[in-house]
Amino acid sequence: MIKWHFTPNLYSKAEVNEINRIAQTFIDETYKDRPGAGKQADVKVARFEGELQDALSRMTRVVNQLNEEYFGFDIFNHVPYSLNYNSYREGDAYNFHMDASSPDAANDVKLTAVLNVSSEPFVGGEFEFFLNGELARIKEMDDAGTLLVFPSPLFHRVKPVQMGCRKTISVWYTGPKWR
């Protein structure tokens, strides 16, 4: 099994700008992110529906295809209910963590998908995994329009942004409890 998969240029710069525009209209101020310790970023939760779901349908197709071909996780065959729209500005970061459901949930998070939707250049904000005692930097995540898909239990982080604003969309795909 592969550890992660990235798809460069899944969306063009023009499409990234349109996704950003659409995502703003689906922000749900009544729902707040519950980040792990060590996350400094402006996080908005958006409903994954309507025009936003249409704009991200290519991402959804790719994630499902990658799961079938490489990961083989038992995930529910549905579109996620929501997504996180993350803006990391100067000094913002997210320490090492793994993505997971709350212990009392009836399901578990199996796959994480992160799409770079940065519309302007930024410095820093590198995406890294910590695996088998080593760091693995995913340089491709510096490019707008790139999609990264990985098993949610992998430890990962975003290093501090030094200049500009790094924007991403994070989506989690769930399935039955791990066995």
Protein backbone atom coordinates (compact mmCIF):
# COMPACT_ATOMS: atom_id res chain seq x y z
CA MET A 1 0.00 0.00 0.00
CA ILE A 2 1.29 3.47 -0.80
CA LYS A 3 1.60 5.98 1.99
CA TRP A 4 0.14 9.01 0.17
CA HIS A 5 -0.65 10.22 -3.31
CA PHE A 6 -0.55 13.70 -4.79
CA THR A 7 -2.14 14.92 -8.00
CA PRO A 8 -0.39 18.05 -9.31
CA ASN A 9 -2.43 20.67 -11.15
CA LEU A 10 -5.76 18.97 -10.52
CA TYR A 11 -7.21 22.48 -10.82
CA SER A 12 -5.86 25.41 -12.83
CA LYS A 13 -5.19 28.81 -11.23
CA ALA A 14 -8.43 30.13 -12.75
CA GLU A 15 -10.34 27.16 -11.28
CA VAL A 16 -8.67 27.70 -7.89
CA ASN A 17 -9.84 31.32 -7.91
CA GLU A 18 -13.37 30.19 -8.73
CA ILE A 19 -13.31 27.55 -5.96
CA ASN A 20 -12.24 30.26 -3.49
CA ARG A 21 -15.09 32.51 -4.62
CA ILE A 22 -17.67 29.74 -4.36
CA ALA A 23 -16.37 28.42 -1.01
CA GLN A 24 -16.93 31.83 0.60
CA THR A 25 -20.66 31.55 -0.15
CA PHE A 26 -20.96 28.17 1.61
CA ILE A 27 -19.27 29.10 4.90
CA ASP A 28 -21.43 27.96 7.80
CA GLU A 29 -20.78 30.29 10.74
CA THR A 30 -22.89 28.08 13.04
CA TYR A 31 -20.38 25.24 12.83
CA LYS A 32 -16.89 25.63 14.23
CA ASP A 33 -13.79 23.56 13.59
CA ARG A 34 -12.49 21.51 16.51
CA PRO A 35 -8.77 21.61 15.76
CA GLY A 36 -6.19 19.60 17.57
CA ALA A 37 -3.68 21.27 19.83
CA GLY A 38 -1.17 23.42 18.04
CA LYS A 39 -3.27 24.71 15.17
CA GLN A 40 -2.95 28.40 14.44
CA ALA A 41 -4.96 29.25 11.33
CA ASP A 42 -8.20 30.90 10.32
CA VAL A 43 -10.52 27.94 9.75
CA LYS A 44 -13.99 28.22 8.30
CA VAL A 45 -16.32 25.27 7.87
CA ALA A 46 -18.20 25.18 4.58
CA ARG A 47 -21.13 23.01 3.60
CA PHE A 48 -20.16 20.55 0.85
CA GLU A 49 -23.21 21.04 -1.35
CA GLY A 50 -24.59 22.76 -4.42
CA GLU A 51 -22.19 24.81 -6.52
CA LEU A 52 -19.28 24.03 -4.18
CA GLN A 53 -19.88 20.29 -4.47
CA ASP A 54 -19.99 20.70 -8.27
CA ALA A 55 -16.75 22.72 -8.30
CA LEU A 56 -15.00 20.03 -6.24
CA SER A 57 -16.50 17.01 -8.04
CA ARG A 58 -13.19 16.30 -9.81
CA MET A 59 -11.49 16.10 -6.40
CA THR A 60 -14.18 13.74 -5.10
CA ARG A 61 -13.81 11.49 -8.15
CA VAL A 62 -10.02 11.38 -7.78
CA VAL A 63 -10.19 10.57 -4.05
CA ASN A 64 -12.62 7.71 -4.67
CA GLN A 65 -10.49 6.41 -7.55
CA LEU A 66 -7.29 6.58 -5.46
CA ASN A 67 -9.01 4.75 -2.64
CA GLU A 68 -10.08 1.96 -4.99
CA GLU A 69 -6.67 1.69 -6.68
CA TYR A 70 -4.21 2.31 -3.83
CA PHE A 71 -5.69 2.49 -0.35
CA GLY A 72 -8.60 0.02 -0.31
CA PHE A 73 -10.32 1.50 2.74
CA ASP A 74 -13.94 0.76 3.54
CA ILE A 75 -15.36 4.27 3.16
CA PHE A 76 -18.95 5.34 2.89
CA ASN A 77 -19.92 6.00 -0.70
CA HIS A 78 -21.13 9.55 -0.21
CA VAL A 79 -19.93 13.08 -0.52
CA PRO A 80 -18.69 14.56 2.77
CA TYR A 81 -21.07 16.87 4.62
CA SER A 82 -18.56 19.65 5.15
CA LEU A 83 -15.00 20.77 4.56
CA ASN A 84 -12.49 23.03 6.26
CA TYR A 85 -11.40 26.16 4.43
CA ASN A 86 -8.01 26.95 6.01
CA SER A 87 -6.09 30.22 5.76
CA TYR A 88 -2.58 30.19 7.20
CA ARG A 89 -1.11 33.68 7.46
CA GLU A 90 2.31 34.81 8.67
CA GLY A 91 3.23 32.83 11.79
CA ASP A 92 0.33 30.36 11.44
CA ALA A 93 1.09 26.63 11.56
CA TYR A 94 -0.36 23.28 12.57
CA ASN A 95 1.84 21.01 14.72
CA PHE A 96 2.10 17.28 14.12
CA HIS A 97 -1.25 15.56 14.46
CA MET A 98 -3.37 12.87 12.88
CA ASP A 99 -6.94 13.20 11.73
CA ALA A 100 -9.50 11.15 13.62
CA SER A 101 -13.13 10.95 14.63
CA SER A 102 -14.17 11.59 18.19
CA PRO A 103 -14.08 8.39 20.29
CA ASP A 104 -17.87 8.27 20.59
CA ALA A 105 -18.53 8.60 16.83
CA ALA A 106 -20.21 5.73 15.00
CA ASN A 107 -17.59 5.93 12.23
CA ASP A 108 -13.90 6.64 11.73
CA VAL A 109 -12.03 9.04 9.48
CA LYS A 110 -10.14 6.92 6.95
CA LEU A 111 -8.78 9.27 4.27
CA THR A 112 -7.77 12.92 4.33
CA ALA A 113 -7.75 15.03 1.18
CA VAL A 114 -6.01 18.42 1.13
CA LEU A 115 -6.32 20.72 -1.87
CA ASN A 116 -4.04 23.76 -2.17
CA VAL A 117 -6.28 26.70 -3.13
CA SER A 118 -3.72 29.46 -2.54
CA SER A 119 -4.40 32.33 -4.90
CA GLU A 120 -1.22 34.26 -4.05
CA PRO A 121 2.41 33.21 -3.48
CA PHE A 122 3.46 32.32 0.06
CA VAL A 123 6.71 31.41 1.79
CA GLY A 124 6.90 28.66 4.39
CA GLY A 125 3.83 26.62 5.24
CA GLU A 126 5.53 23.41 4.13
CA PHE A 127 3.48 20.22 4.45
CA GLU A 128 5.35 17.34 6.11
CA PHE A 129 4.69 13.79 7.25
CA PHE A 130 6.48 12.13 10.17
CA LEU A 131 6.86 8.48 9.26
CA ASN A 132 9.13 5.82 10.74
CA GLY A 133 11.18 8.43 12.57
CA GLU A 134 11.79 10.56 9.48
CA LEU A 135 10.36 13.73 7.98
CA ALA A 136 8.95 13.68 4.48
CA ARG A 137 8.28 17.08 2.92
CA ILE A 138 5.64 17.13 0.20
CA LYS A 139 7.02 19.93 -2.01
CA GLU A 140 4.18 19.54 -4.49
CA MET A 141 1.76 20.94 -1.89
CA ASP A 142 3.38 24.35 -2.42
CA ASP A 143 1.58 24.56 -5.78
CA ALA A 144 -1.99 25.81 -6.13
CA GLY A 145 -4.36 23.23 -7.57
CA THR A 146 -2.45 20.22 -6.16
CA LEU A 147 -4.38 17.53 -4.29
CA LEU A 148 -2.82 15.34 -1.59
CA VAL A 149 -4.64 12.21 -0.34
CA PHE A 150 -3.39 10.09 2.56
CA PRO A 151 -4.56 7.75 5.32
CA SER A 152 -5.86 9.95 8.12
CA PRO A 153 -3.80 8.26 10.88
CA LEU A 154 -0.49 9.46 9.33
CA PHE A 155 1.19 12.13 11.45
CA HIS A 156 1.43 15.37 9.46
CA ARG A 157 1.96 19.07 9.98
CA VAL A 158 2.05 22.48 8.31
CA LYS A 159 5.16 24.45 9.18
CA PRO A 160 4.83 28.18 9.97
CA VAL A 161 4.01 30.49 7.09
CA GLN A 162 6.69 33.14 6.83
CA MET A 163 5.10 35.43 4.24
CA GLY A 164 1.80 35.59 2.36
CA CYS A 165 -1.22 33.34 2.88
CA ARG A 166 -1.42 29.58 2.35
CA LYS A 167 -4.99 28.42 1.68
CA THR A 168 -6.21 24.85 1.63
CA ILE A 169 -9.41 22.88 1.61
CA SER A 170 -9.39 19.80 3.85
CA VAL A 171 -11.96 17.03 3.45
CA TRP A 172 -12.26 13.81 5.42
CA TYR A 173 -13.72 10.57 4.12
CA THR A 174 -15.24 8.30 6.76
CA GLY A 175 -16.19 4.66 6.99
CA PRO A 176 -17.13 2.01 9.54
CA LYS A 177 -15.07 1.84 12.73
CA TRP A 178 -11.53 0.47 12.30
CA ARG A 179 -11.37 -3.23 13.17
